[in-house]
Each structure stands twice: as structure tokens, then as C-alpha cells.
Amino acid sequence: MRVFTASLATETNTFAPLFVDRSAFEGGFYCPPGTHPDTPTLCSAPTVAARRRAGSEGYALFEGTATWAEPAGLVSQEGYESLRDEILDQLKAALPVDIVLLGLHGSMVARGYDDCEGDLIARVRALAGPDCVIGVELDMHCHLTAEMVGGADIIVAFKEFPHTDFLARAEDLLELCLKTARKQVKPVSAVFDCRGLAAFMTSREPGRSFVDRLLAMEGQDGILSISVAHGFQAADVADVGTKVLVITDGDAAKAAALAKQLGLEILRWGQGASPKHYKPEEGIAAAVDLAQPGKPVVLADRWDNPGGGVAGDSSVMVEALLRHPEIPAAIGALWDPVAVSLCRAAGVGAEIPLRFIGKAAPSSGRPIDAVVTVTGATADLLIPFEQSWVSLGPAAAIRIGQLDIVLASTRAQTFSPPVFTDLGIDLGAKKVVVVKSSNHFHAAFAPIAAQVLYLDSGGPYPPDSSKIPYTKVKRPFSPLDPNPWL
């Protein structure tokens, strides 16, 4: 048996003024054939899963390029096409193959391509032929299109939010593809379109129990796989929205019925699946009340989260914390490579005048001018995220009174406490810790937090889907229209 694997991924916020070309992939994560590390990244886990089982399963593995760019705005046409064609040329060289495993995201949009993943899968199918088993792993925050489902034999999306399961789902995908290639199962897919956005977290109920039930169903009564595509609301594409994908062993009717049943269940939760979102002052006050000795309250600044394709340099929460100099607090990581370079040049211990953040767009707020003390610096702030490592590039910590601020040169989410602690910030001495992340921080920060709360700082990620200026979405679509299923 011959298996080919590759990965091409990013998450596109079509409303973000941060544009992406090939260099963003090469500077983010770019591994030509054979150079992928032993640890997986968020969207390249199929390569690691396939590598680990090649010996025991006895197949020949051909690794193509694996690459990822940090979420941002539109990808250039040349950037997408050059990376796509690089992978397709590698596949051509490996033919014939029995299985193709692709690590994708599912919400990559390029100029001229609203559905990059659907385009890539179709081209892989044309090359590999109708008998090749094509398996795709997607991020749950994807646009699940008919082209993706029609072109692939098996699609498996992450189930957990925060994404703690990308390697486990890659292993599920590989297992199903091997069984399909060996004619042990005959996968049949069905999709239920919820006609709206109905995202949920698995770090809280009802999402936690729901996903536990999905996991228990898989492998029983002919159900091979269940995926919930939450959708990615910051994208003006036709297929934005929540969808449920069920794959059964040859039973199309069962797949369709179960997909609809699960989709309607999600819709009936309404807003009950989402946590309360606090305005800045409200969140700070709640955090001060709930903090415990040695345990701060963690506030997630969800709508200025680089993982949503925005800059991560909003000054809103820094300004709010500066209005409360009596509160020991920390915030990070904020994107400002120019300020980082100035701080590193000044050196740890220096007191300098600094203009920082609030620069990328009008929605970033106003730049902050202050006299700061540089308290930490590093040439590469490398932090763990589950089994992978993420670089925030050169970084610096600065202090204004009792407020510690982490500035980074690379846009990335605040996945884990080393964003702060590796720069000498004692989180146990704080009452409030603000992280730039949607929910991926939760697994690593919850153990050190008195409580985790979520912020609505006003953007720049579009927080209210009813006010997003969609022009391409298929109607009816809630909340723009009444949901036809309710």
C-alpha cells in the first residue's frame, strides 16, 4: 500500500486588512517533504499520524509539503496556487497511491478561490483517480462545502474546542482510510446544514456532554465518524455556517437522519451554549471579586484574538487596565514588532518612553504612549500548545505600575502561561490576567485560574454575526433570517 500526505492551511478572515502571501506560510510553518518535526501542528497532524504507523501497517509513506500561515485576511492568488501546485507535483511524483491524507483547515479563502480546500481536493482526486481513498482532517471552524464532501471519501474534523484533539482526530482519519482501502468499510457521508451559526465550547456544558456522546457513538451501529463544522463567522463566503457531517458504513439514510437529529439538538440550545461575555470594565470588576490568593481570574479577549485573523494589537483592554492602577494585572501577547525591537535594544531594566499597540487598523484603538520599564526580553518566545510548539518570535515584557504587558513580534494566540512566565511575570501575584485567545488557552490556563471569563471588547473580529455585512451567504441564514428549522 502507498500513502501520500500533505498539509496546506490557514484560517481566512475576509474582513481583516491583513493580507497573506506565500511568505506568510514560509515564515509561519513550512516543511518540505521529509522535514516535518516529530510533533504535530494544528493542521499537519495527519503527517505525524501516518509516519507513526507506517512501520506497523506496512505501507510506503510519501510526505509532501506541510505548511501553515497564521490566520489573517485574504491569501494572494499566487500564494495559494504556488503552494497547491507544489503539493500536486509531489503527489504526481508519488503516483500511484492508495490513500491521500490531507491536513487542511477548511476556511482558507484566496483571491479567486472562495473554497481553497474544495479546489485542492478536486485536483487531488483528478490526479489520484476514483479508486484512491482521500481522507481530510479539518478544523471544526471550517466552511464544510459540497465540493469538500463530494471530493473526499472521509472527512474528520476536530471535536474539541479548545483544540486539544488534533492528533487524536488524525489517528481516527488514518484508521478509517486504512479500513476503507482494505474494503473493510464502505463510508457514506451525509450533511445537515443548520442554516446559521451555532458554535459551542467543549470546556463547558452543554458542549462537553454533547461531544462525549458523539465519541461514544462512533464505532457503534455502523457509525464511523461524526463531525460538527461550527463554521467561521468572519468570512463572507457562501457556505459559512454550522453543519453536521455523519459518516456511516454504507447506510446513507442512517447518516442523514442522525446528522439532522444532532443538528437540530445544537440549534435548540440557542444562546445557552455560549458563555456570558463581559464588557471591559464589567469584566475587570468581576475578576477582582473572584480572584483568590495565588490564583488570578483569566479574562479572554476573544474578539482581538489573532486566531480569528485579526491583528491582536487592540489597546482597549490595556487602556481599561491602566484606569485601575491599584489592580495587579497582566495582559498578552500583543502584536507590535517595532515596540519589541525598541525594548530589546534598550535592554532589561531600562526605563524608556514607548509608543505601542493600536497601530494595525482603526479598530485597533489608539496607540498607547507611556514610560515603561523593560522587565524581560527574548529572541524567540516559544510556547507549548498541546503536542506542538508555537513561536511568537522576538518578544518583550514591559511594566507600567502594577500592569505587566507582553509584546510579541509574531501574531499568535496566547496558548499557555509561558507567554508570561518565560518573561519573568509571576501570574500568581496577579488578580487579573487577560489573554488574547478565543478558547484555545483554556486547557493550559484553567488549572492556574480562580475562574475563566470571556470578554467582549468590541472587536476588531466581528463579534455580532447579525451585524456582519455578508454578501455571499446562502439564504435563509440565521441570524440574518428566521431559522427555517426552528
Protein backbone atom coordinates (compact mmCIF):
# COMPACT_ATOMS: atom_id res chain seq x y z
CA MET A 1 0.00 0.00 0.00
CA ARG A 2 1.17 3.53 -0.87
CA VAL A 3 0.11 6.56 1.20
CA PHE A 4 0.68 10.23 0.41
CA THR A 5 0.21 13.02 2.95
CA ALA A 6 0.47 16.81 2.85
CA SER A 7 -0.91 19.88 4.59
CA LEU A 8 -1.89 23.37 3.43
CA ALA A 9 -3.80 25.51 5.90
CA THR A 10 -4.78 28.89 7.18
CA GLU A 11 -7.98 30.50 8.51
CA THR A 12 -9.16 33.48 6.48
CA ASN A 13 -10.97 36.45 7.99
CA THR A 14 -12.21 38.11 4.81
CA PHE A 15 -12.92 41.31 6.75
CA ALA A 16 -9.37 41.67 8.14
CA PRO A 17 -6.97 44.16 6.48
CA LEU A 18 -4.05 41.76 6.97
CA PHE A 19 -3.11 40.16 3.69
CA VAL A 20 -1.31 36.88 3.17
CA ASP A 21 1.15 35.76 0.52
CA ARG A 22 3.46 32.79 0.23
CA SER A 23 5.99 34.38 2.57
CA ALA A 24 3.43 34.22 5.42
CA PHE A 25 3.38 30.43 5.06
CA GLU A 26 7.15 30.16 4.74
CA GLY A 27 7.60 32.38 7.79
CA GLY A 28 4.87 30.64 9.78
CA PHE A 29 5.33 26.88 9.34
CA TYR A 30 6.82 25.43 6.17
CA CYS A 31 8.18 21.89 5.97
CA PRO A 32 9.11 20.47 2.57
CA PRO A 33 9.00 16.67 2.15
CA GLY A 34 10.72 14.77 4.94
CA THR A 35 11.37 17.78 7.17
CA HIS A 36 8.21 17.76 9.30
CA PRO A 37 9.10 17.51 13.01
CA ASP A 38 8.09 14.51 15.10
CA THR A 39 5.46 16.61 16.86
CA PRO A 40 2.23 17.59 15.05
CA THR A 41 0.96 21.07 14.40
CA LEU A 42 -2.69 22.05 14.45
CA CYS A 43 -3.36 21.16 10.80
CA SER A 44 -0.49 18.83 9.92
CA ALA A 45 -1.27 16.02 12.36
CA PRO A 46 -2.08 13.51 9.55
CA THR A 47 1.60 13.56 8.58
CA VAL A 48 2.68 12.60 12.10
CA ALA A 49 -0.09 10.00 12.50
CA ALA A 50 0.79 8.38 9.17
CA ARG A 51 4.52 8.40 9.94
CA ARG A 52 4.00 6.70 13.32
CA ARG A 53 2.03 3.78 11.85
CA ALA A 54 3.88 3.25 8.57
CA GLY A 55 6.11 0.51 10.01
CA SER A 56 3.42 -1.49 11.80
CA GLU A 57 0.92 -1.22 8.94
CA GLY A 58 3.47 -1.96 6.22
CA TYR A 59 2.65 0.89 3.83
CA ALA A 60 5.07 3.11 1.94
CA LEU A 61 4.67 6.73 3.06
CA PHE A 62 5.30 9.67 0.75
CA GLU A 63 5.36 13.01 2.57
CA GLY A 64 4.55 16.20 0.74
CA THR A 65 4.88 19.77 1.94
CA ALA A 66 3.19 20.76 5.19
CA THR A 67 2.60 24.47 5.69
CA TRP A 68 0.50 26.85 7.79
CA ALA A 69 0.06 30.61 7.95
CA GLU A 70 -1.29 32.40 11.00
CA PRO A 71 -4.96 33.38 10.49
CA ALA A 72 -5.34 36.71 8.72
CA GLY A 73 -7.06 38.20 5.68
CA LEU A 74 -7.24 37.08 2.06
CA VAL A 75 -4.49 34.87 0.66
CA SER A 76 -2.98 36.05 -2.61
CA GLN A 77 -3.84 34.03 -5.69
CA GLU A 78 -0.16 33.40 -6.42
CA GLY A 79 0.49 32.32 -2.84
CA TYR A 80 -2.29 29.74 -2.82
CA GLU A 81 -1.70 28.43 -6.32
CA SER A 82 2.06 28.06 -5.86
CA LEU A 83 1.68 26.02 -2.66
CA ARG A 84 -1.22 24.00 -4.08
CA ASP A 85 0.72 23.17 -7.23
CA GLU A 86 3.82 22.30 -5.19
CA ILE A 87 1.80 19.65 -3.35
CA LEU A 88 0.13 18.40 -6.53
CA ASP A 89 3.53 17.99 -8.21
CA GLN A 90 4.70 15.97 -5.21
CA LEU A 91 1.61 13.79 -5.48
CA LYS A 92 2.26 13.23 -9.20
CA ALA A 93 5.75 12.02 -8.38
CA ALA A 94 4.36 9.54 -5.82
CA LEU A 95 1.66 8.02 -8.05
CA PRO A 96 0.10 5.52 -7.97
CA VAL A 97 -1.16 5.86 -4.40
CA ASP A 98 -3.87 4.04 -2.48
CA ILE A 99 -4.53 6.74 0.12
CA VAL A 100 -4.10 10.52 0.23
CA LEU A 101 -4.24 12.19 3.65
CA LEU A 102 -4.65 15.96 3.70
CA GLY A 103 -4.31 18.20 6.75
CA LEU A 104 -6.38 21.28 5.90
CA HIS A 105 -8.25 23.94 7.84
CA GLY A 106 -11.47 24.34 5.92
CA SER A 107 -11.77 28.13 5.89
CA MET A 108 -8.96 29.22 3.59
CA VAL A 109 -10.01 31.91 1.11
CA ALA A 110 -7.76 33.29 -1.62
CA ARG A 111 -8.32 35.86 -4.32
CA GLY A 112 -10.28 33.98 -6.96
CA TYR A 113 -10.93 31.00 -4.65
CA ASP A 114 -13.67 31.12 -2.01
CA ASP A 115 -13.15 27.40 -1.32
CA CYS A 116 -9.44 26.62 -1.48
CA GLU A 117 -9.90 23.24 0.21
CA GLY A 118 -12.60 22.16 -2.23
CA ASP A 119 -10.38 23.17 -5.13
CA LEU A 120 -7.37 21.28 -3.77
CA ILE A 121 -9.37 18.12 -3.02
CA ALA A 122 -10.88 18.13 -6.54
CA ARG A 123 -7.43 18.41 -8.11
CA VAL A 124 -6.09 15.63 -5.88
CA ARG A 125 -9.00 13.42 -6.98
CA ALA A 126 -8.32 14.14 -10.64
CA LEU A 127 -4.71 13.06 -10.21
CA ALA A 128 -5.11 10.12 -7.83
CA GLY A 129 -8.14 8.62 -9.56
CA PRO A 130 -11.56 7.38 -8.43
CA ASP A 131 -10.26 4.36 -6.53
CA CYS A 132 -7.84 6.26 -4.30
CA VAL A 133 -9.11 6.86 -0.76
CA ILE A 134 -8.92 10.56 0.05
CA GLY A 135 -9.07 11.46 3.73
CA VAL A 136 -9.15 15.03 5.04
CA GLU A 137 -8.77 16.42 8.55
CA LEU A 138 -10.40 19.82 9.13
CA ASP A 139 -10.51 22.34 11.93
CA MET A 140 -14.06 22.47 13.35
CA HIS A 141 -14.16 26.20 12.45
CA CYS A 142 -14.46 25.42 8.77
CA HIS A 143 -16.84 26.00 5.89
CA LEU A 144 -17.97 22.47 5.03
CA THR A 145 -18.71 22.73 1.31
CA ALA A 146 -20.31 20.25 -1.09
CA GLU A 147 -17.04 20.24 -3.05
CA MET A 148 -15.09 19.08 0.02
CA VAL A 149 -17.57 16.35 0.92
CA GLY A 150 -18.03 15.21 -2.67
CA GLY A 151 -14.31 15.04 -3.39
CA ALA A 152 -13.18 13.24 -0.23
CA ASP A 153 -14.08 9.75 0.94
CA ILE A 154 -13.68 10.64 4.61
CA ILE A 155 -13.61 13.99 6.41
CA VAL A 156 -12.86 14.16 10.12
CA ALA A 157 -13.00 17.49 11.97
CA PHE A 158 -11.64 18.33 15.40
CA LYS A 159 -14.27 17.76 18.09
CA GLU A 160 -12.74 19.73 20.94
CA PHE A 161 -12.82 23.48 21.46
CA PRO A 162 -10.19 24.25 22.72
CA HIS A 163 -8.47 22.14 20.07
CA THR A 164 -6.83 19.53 22.27
CA ASP A 165 -7.56 16.61 19.92
CA PHE A 166 -5.97 17.37 16.54
CA LEU A 167 -3.63 14.36 16.77
CA ALA A 168 -6.37 12.04 18.03
CA ARG A 169 -8.64 13.01 15.13
CA ALA A 170 -5.78 12.49 12.65
CA GLU A 171 -5.37 8.98 14.05
CA ASP A 172 -9.12 8.40 13.59
CA LEU A 173 -8.85 9.60 9.99
CA LEU A 174 -5.92 7.31 9.22
CA GLU A 175 -7.69 4.30 10.72
CA LEU A 176 -10.83 4.88 8.67
CA CYS A 177 -8.83 5.40 5.48
CA LEU A 178 -6.90 2.16 6.02
CA LYS A 179 -10.14 0.25 6.62
CA THR A 180 -11.68 1.79 3.51
CA ALA A 181 -8.67 0.95 1.34
CA ARG A 182 -8.80 -2.64 2.63
CA LYS A 183 -12.54 -2.86 1.82
CA GLN A 184 -13.41 -3.41 5.47
CA VAL A 185 -15.86 -0.48 5.46
CA LYS A 186 -17.74 1.49 2.82
CA PRO A 187 -18.04 5.11 4.05
CA VAL A 188 -21.16 7.07 3.11
CA SER A 189 -21.47 10.74 4.12
CA ALA A 190 -24.47 12.93 4.89
CA VAL A 191 -24.51 16.61 5.88
CA PHE A 192 -27.15 18.59 7.75
CA ASP A 193 -26.97 22.34 7.24
CA CYS A 194 -28.12 24.21 10.35
CA ARG A 195 -28.72 27.34 8.23
CA GLY A 196 -26.95 29.53 10.73
CA LEU A 197 -24.16 29.76 13.29
CA ALA A 198 -24.41 27.60 16.39
CA ALA A 199 -20.91 27.28 17.84
CA PHE A 200 -20.21 25.83 21.29
CA MET A 201 -17.28 25.17 23.59
CA THR A 202 -16.28 21.77 24.93
CA SER A 203 -14.71 23.31 28.04
CA ARG A 204 -18.25 23.86 29.37
CA GLU A 205 -21.75 22.46 29.11
CA PRO A 206 -23.73 21.62 27.03
CA GLY A 207 -20.86 21.15 24.58
CA ARG A 208 -18.84 18.87 26.85
CA SER A 209 -21.54 16.23 27.29
CA PHE A 210 -22.60 16.50 23.65
CA VAL A 211 -19.14 15.72 22.30
CA ASP A 212 -18.71 12.89 24.81
CA ARG A 213 -21.87 11.36 23.34
CA LEU A 214 -20.54 11.74 19.79
CA LEU A 215 -17.34 9.96 20.74
CA ALA A 216 -19.35 7.13 22.32
CA MET A 217 -21.48 6.74 19.18
CA GLU A 218 -18.53 6.33 16.83
CA GLY A 219 -17.73 2.72 16.11
CA GLN A 220 -21.22 1.59 17.14
CA ASP A 221 -24.15 0.51 14.92
CA GLY A 222 -22.34 1.27 11.69
CA ILE A 223 -21.50 4.88 12.63
CA LEU A 224 -17.93 5.52 11.51
CA SER A 225 -17.49 9.22 12.27
CA ILE A 226 -19.40 12.32 13.40
CA SER A 227 -18.10 15.84 12.88
CA VAL A 228 -19.64 19.20 13.72
CA ALA A 229 -18.38 22.00 11.50
CA HIS A 230 -19.04 25.02 13.68
CA GLY A 231 -18.23 27.44 10.86
CA PHE A 232 -16.10 30.59 10.90
CA GLN A 233 -18.31 33.64 11.00
CA ALA A 234 -15.65 36.16 9.95
CA ALA A 235 -15.79 35.10 6.31
CA ASP A 236 -18.05 36.30 3.54
CA VAL A 237 -18.45 33.03 1.62
CA ALA A 238 -21.48 31.06 0.51
CA ASP A 239 -21.04 28.16 2.91
CA VAL A 240 -20.39 29.97 6.17
CA GLY A 241 -22.34 28.33 8.98
CA THR A 242 -22.73 25.27 11.19
CA LYS A 243 -23.12 21.82 9.63
CA VAL A 244 -23.15 18.27 10.95
CA LEU A 245 -21.37 15.52 8.99
CA VAL A 246 -22.12 11.87 9.72
CA ILE A 247 -20.29 9.01 8.00
CA THR A 248 -21.75 5.53 8.22
CA ASP A 249 -20.76 2.14 6.88
CA GLY A 250 -22.89 2.03 3.74
CA ASP A 251 -26.13 3.39 5.24
CA ALA A 252 -26.97 6.77 3.69
CA ALA A 253 -30.39 7.01 5.34
CA LYS A 254 -28.95 6.46 8.82
CA ALA A 255 -26.25 9.06 8.19
CA ALA A 256 -28.78 11.67 7.05
CA ALA A 257 -31.20 11.00 9.92
CA LEU A 258 -28.51 11.20 12.60
CA ALA A 259 -26.96 14.35 11.11
CA LYS A 260 -30.34 16.09 11.20
CA GLN A 261 -31.09 14.88 14.73
CA LEU A 262 -27.79 16.21 16.06
CA GLY A 263 -28.03 19.47 14.13
CA LEU A 264 -31.50 20.23 15.49
CA GLU A 265 -30.26 19.49 19.00
CA ILE A 266 -27.49 22.06 18.62
CA LEU A 267 -29.92 24.65 17.28
CA ARG A 268 -32.30 24.20 20.20
CA TRP A 269 -29.59 25.30 22.63
CA GLY A 270 -29.81 28.81 21.21
CA GLN A 271 -27.60 31.22 23.11
CA GLY A 272 -27.43 28.77 26.03
CA ALA A 273 -24.30 27.21 24.55
CA SER A 274 -22.32 30.45 24.76
CA PRO A 275 -20.75 31.86 27.92
CA LYS A 276 -21.50 35.34 29.18
CA HIS A 277 -19.29 37.98 27.58
CA TYR A 278 -18.29 40.90 29.82
CA LYS A 279 -17.60 44.44 28.72
CA PRO A 280 -14.10 45.59 29.75
CA GLU A 281 -14.99 47.41 32.99
CA GLU A 282 -17.54 44.77 33.93
CA GLY A 283 -15.00 42.00 33.36
CA ILE A 284 -12.32 43.67 35.44
CA ALA A 285 -14.73 44.21 38.33
CA ALA A 286 -15.88 40.59 38.21
CA ALA A 287 -12.29 39.37 38.11
CA VAL A 288 -11.30 41.38 41.18
CA ASP A 289 -14.26 39.90 43.09
CA LEU A 290 -13.47 36.33 42.06
CA ALA A 291 -9.67 36.29 42.30
CA GLN A 292 -8.09 34.20 45.05
CA PRO A 293 -4.66 34.40 46.70
CA GLY A 294 -2.20 32.96 44.20
CA LYS A 295 -4.95 32.43 41.61
CA PRO A 296 -5.92 35.21 39.20
CA VAL A 297 -9.06 35.37 37.10
CA VAL A 298 -8.27 34.85 33.42
CA LEU A 299 -10.16 37.10 31.01
CA ALA A 300 -10.21 36.01 27.36
CA ASP A 301 -10.18 38.90 24.90
CA ARG A 302 -11.92 36.79 22.24
CA TRP A 303 -12.56 39.48 19.65
CA ASP A 304 -8.95 40.69 19.47
CA ASN A 305 -7.64 37.18 19.03
CA PRO A 306 -5.01 36.56 16.32
CA GLY A 307 -6.55 33.10 15.85
CA GLY A 308 -9.57 34.89 14.39
CA GLY A 309 -7.45 36.54 11.73
CA VAL A 310 -7.16 39.97 13.38
CA ALA A 311 -4.04 41.84 14.45
CA GLY A 312 -4.10 41.22 18.18
CA ASP A 313 -2.91 44.77 18.85
CA SER A 314 -6.09 46.36 20.23
CA SER A 315 -5.43 48.86 23.00
CA VAL A 316 -8.94 48.63 24.52
CA MET A 317 -8.11 46.27 27.39
CA VAL A 318 -4.74 47.87 28.13
CA GLU A 319 -6.46 51.24 28.47
CA ALA A 320 -9.09 49.66 30.73
CA LEU A 321 -6.45 48.10 33.00
CA LEU A 322 -4.47 51.36 33.16
CA ARG A 323 -7.58 53.04 34.55
CA HIS A 324 -7.18 50.73 37.57
CA PRO A 325 -3.54 51.16 38.70
CA GLU A 326 -4.44 49.62 42.07
CA ILE A 327 -5.09 46.20 40.47
CA PRO A 328 -2.10 43.88 39.85
CA ALA A 329 -2.68 42.61 36.32
CA ALA A 330 -1.07 41.18 33.21
CA ILE A 331 -2.06 41.14 29.54
CA GLY A 332 -0.60 39.47 26.46
CA ALA A 333 0.51 38.70 23.98
CA LEU A 334 0.01 41.87 21.95
CA TRP A 335 1.44 42.20 18.44
CA ASP A 336 3.93 45.04 18.00
CA PRO A 337 7.24 44.04 16.40
CA VAL A 338 8.51 47.63 16.30
CA ALA A 339 7.97 48.13 20.03
CA VAL A 340 9.60 44.75 20.71
CA SER A 341 12.71 45.77 18.79
CA LEU A 342 12.96 49.03 20.75
CA CYS A 343 12.57 47.24 24.08
CA ARG A 344 15.15 44.61 23.25
CA ALA A 345 17.59 47.27 22.10
CA ALA A 346 17.10 49.22 25.34
CA GLY A 347 17.64 46.09 27.42
CA VAL A 348 16.08 44.57 30.50
CA GLY A 349 15.91 47.05 33.34
CA ALA A 350 15.73 50.11 31.08
CA GLU A 351 13.05 52.74 31.62
CA ILE A 352 12.02 54.16 28.26
CA PRO A 353 9.26 56.22 26.61
CA LEU A 354 7.37 53.88 24.31
CA ARG A 355 4.50 54.11 21.85
CA PHE A 356 2.98 50.67 21.45
CA ILE A 357 -0.03 48.74 20.01
CA GLY A 358 -3.16 50.30 18.49
CA LYS A 359 -1.49 50.56 15.07
CA ALA A 360 -2.77 47.93 12.62
CA ALA A 361 -6.22 49.35 11.84
CA PRO A 362 -8.78 51.88 13.12
CA SER A 363 -10.44 49.02 15.02
CA SER A 364 -7.19 48.54 16.96
CA GLY A 365 -7.91 51.64 19.03
CA ARG A 366 -5.38 54.35 19.85
CA PRO A 367 -1.64 53.79 20.34
CA ILE A 368 -0.53 53.99 23.94
CA ASP A 369 2.25 56.36 24.96
CA ALA A 370 3.84 55.67 28.31
CA VAL A 371 7.09 55.48 30.19
CA VAL A 372 7.66 51.75 30.66
CA THR A 373 10.20 49.52 32.34
CA VAL A 374 11.52 46.64 30.25
CA THR A 375 11.32 43.62 32.54
CA GLY A 376 12.02 40.76 30.15
CA ALA A 377 13.16 40.01 26.62
CA THR A 378 13.82 37.00 24.41
CA ALA A 379 14.92 36.32 20.85
CA ASP A 380 12.16 33.71 20.46
CA LEU A 381 9.18 33.24 22.73
CA LEU A 382 8.43 29.55 22.10
CA ILE A 383 5.34 28.21 23.88
CA PRO A 384 3.57 24.84 24.05
CA PHE A 385 0.13 24.15 22.57
CA GLU A 386 -0.88 20.55 23.27
CA GLN A 387 1.69 18.38 21.42
CA SER A 388 3.02 21.24 19.31
CA TRP A 389 5.20 24.31 19.83
CA VAL A 390 4.30 27.81 18.67
CA SER A 391 6.73 30.67 18.18
CA LEU A 392 5.73 34.25 18.98
CA GLY A 393 9.10 35.42 17.70
CA PRO A 394 11.22 38.01 19.49
CA ALA A 395 9.26 39.30 22.49
CA ALA A 396 9.49 41.66 25.43
CA ALA A 397 7.74 42.26 28.74
CA ILE A 398 7.12 45.81 29.91
CA ARG A 399 5.69 47.17 33.16
CA ILE A 400 3.60 50.22 33.93
CA GLY A 401 2.94 50.38 37.66
CA GLN A 402 1.37 47.01 38.57
CA LEU A 403 0.48 46.14 34.97
CA ASP A 404 2.75 43.72 33.08
CA ILE A 405 2.37 43.61 29.30
CA VAL A 406 3.80 41.07 26.86
CA LEU A 407 4.62 42.32 23.37
CA ALA A 408 5.40 39.85 20.57
CA SER A 409 6.77 40.09 17.04
CA THR A 410 4.67 37.26 15.63
CA ARG A 411 0.89 37.16 15.71
CA ALA A 412 -0.30 34.10 17.60
CA GLN A 413 -2.76 33.21 20.32
CA THR A 414 -1.83 33.17 23.99
CA PHE A 415 -2.00 29.39 24.22
CA SER A 416 -0.29 28.80 27.56
CA PRO A 417 1.17 30.52 30.66
CA PRO A 418 4.80 30.52 29.40
CA VAL A 419 3.80 33.55 27.29
CA PHE A 420 4.08 35.35 30.64
CA THR A 421 6.22 33.18 32.89
CA ASP A 422 9.08 32.74 30.39
CA LEU A 423 9.47 36.52 30.53
CA GLY A 424 9.57 36.56 34.33
CA ILE A 425 5.95 37.53 35.05
CA ASP A 426 4.52 35.91 38.20
CA LEU A 427 0.87 35.15 37.39
CA GLY A 428 0.21 34.08 40.96
CA ALA A 429 0.83 37.64 42.07
CA LYS A 430 -1.89 38.98 39.78
CA LYS A 431 -5.64 39.39 40.23
CA VAL A 432 -6.40 39.79 36.53
CA VAL A 433 -4.73 38.10 33.56
CA VAL A 434 -6.00 39.00 30.07
CA VAL A 435 -5.16 36.59 27.25
CA LYS A 436 -5.53 37.17 23.52
CA SER A 437 -7.35 33.98 22.60
CA SER A 438 -10.84 32.67 21.92
CA ASN A 439 -10.76 29.41 23.89
CA HIS A 440 -7.55 27.56 22.98
CA PHE A 441 -5.93 28.97 26.11
CA HIS A 442 -8.40 27.17 28.36
CA ALA A 443 -6.72 23.79 28.86
CA ALA A 444 -3.42 25.36 29.92
CA PHE A 445 -4.71 28.35 31.90
CA ALA A 446 -7.70 26.85 33.73
CA PRO A 447 -5.52 24.96 36.28
CA ILE A 448 -3.89 28.20 37.46
CA ALA A 449 -7.06 30.34 37.39
CA ALA A 450 -9.63 31.05 40.08
CA GLN A 451 -12.08 31.35 37.21
CA VAL A 452 -12.14 31.91 33.45
CA LEU A 453 -14.33 34.67 31.99
CA TYR A 454 -14.85 35.90 28.44
CA LEU A 455 -14.69 39.48 27.19
CA ASP A 456 -16.48 41.46 24.53
CA SER A 457 -14.02 44.26 23.93
CA GLY A 458 -15.80 45.34 20.77
CA GLY A 459 -13.60 43.92 18.07
CA PRO A 460 -11.93 44.04 15.66
CA TYR A 461 -13.12 40.46 14.95
CA PRO A 462 -16.86 40.80 14.17
CA PRO A 463 -18.45 39.62 17.44
CA ASP A 464 -22.10 40.04 16.42
CA SER A 465 -23.00 37.84 13.45
CA SER A 466 -26.27 39.71 12.95
CA LYS A 467 -24.28 42.83 12.00
CA ILE A 468 -21.71 41.23 9.69
CA PRO A 469 -22.07 42.58 6.13
CA TYR A 470 -22.38 39.23 4.37
CA THR A 471 -22.97 39.38 0.61
CA LYS A 472 -22.40 35.75 -0.45
CA VAL A 473 -24.01 33.59 2.24
CA LYS A 474 -26.76 31.19 1.17
CA ARG A 475 -30.13 32.39 2.45
CA PRO A 476 -32.04 31.82 4.62
CA PHE A 477 -29.30 32.16 7.21
CA SER A 478 -29.81 32.99 10.85
CA PRO A 479 -29.46 35.44 12.49
CA LEU A 480 -30.00 37.43 9.28
CA ASP A 481 -33.21 35.47 8.69
CA PRO A 482 -35.50 33.32 10.84
CA ASN A 483 -34.03 29.83 11.06
CA PRO A 484 -36.14 27.51 8.89
CA TRP A 485 -35.55 24.55 11.22
CA LEU A 486 -36.95 26.23 14.33
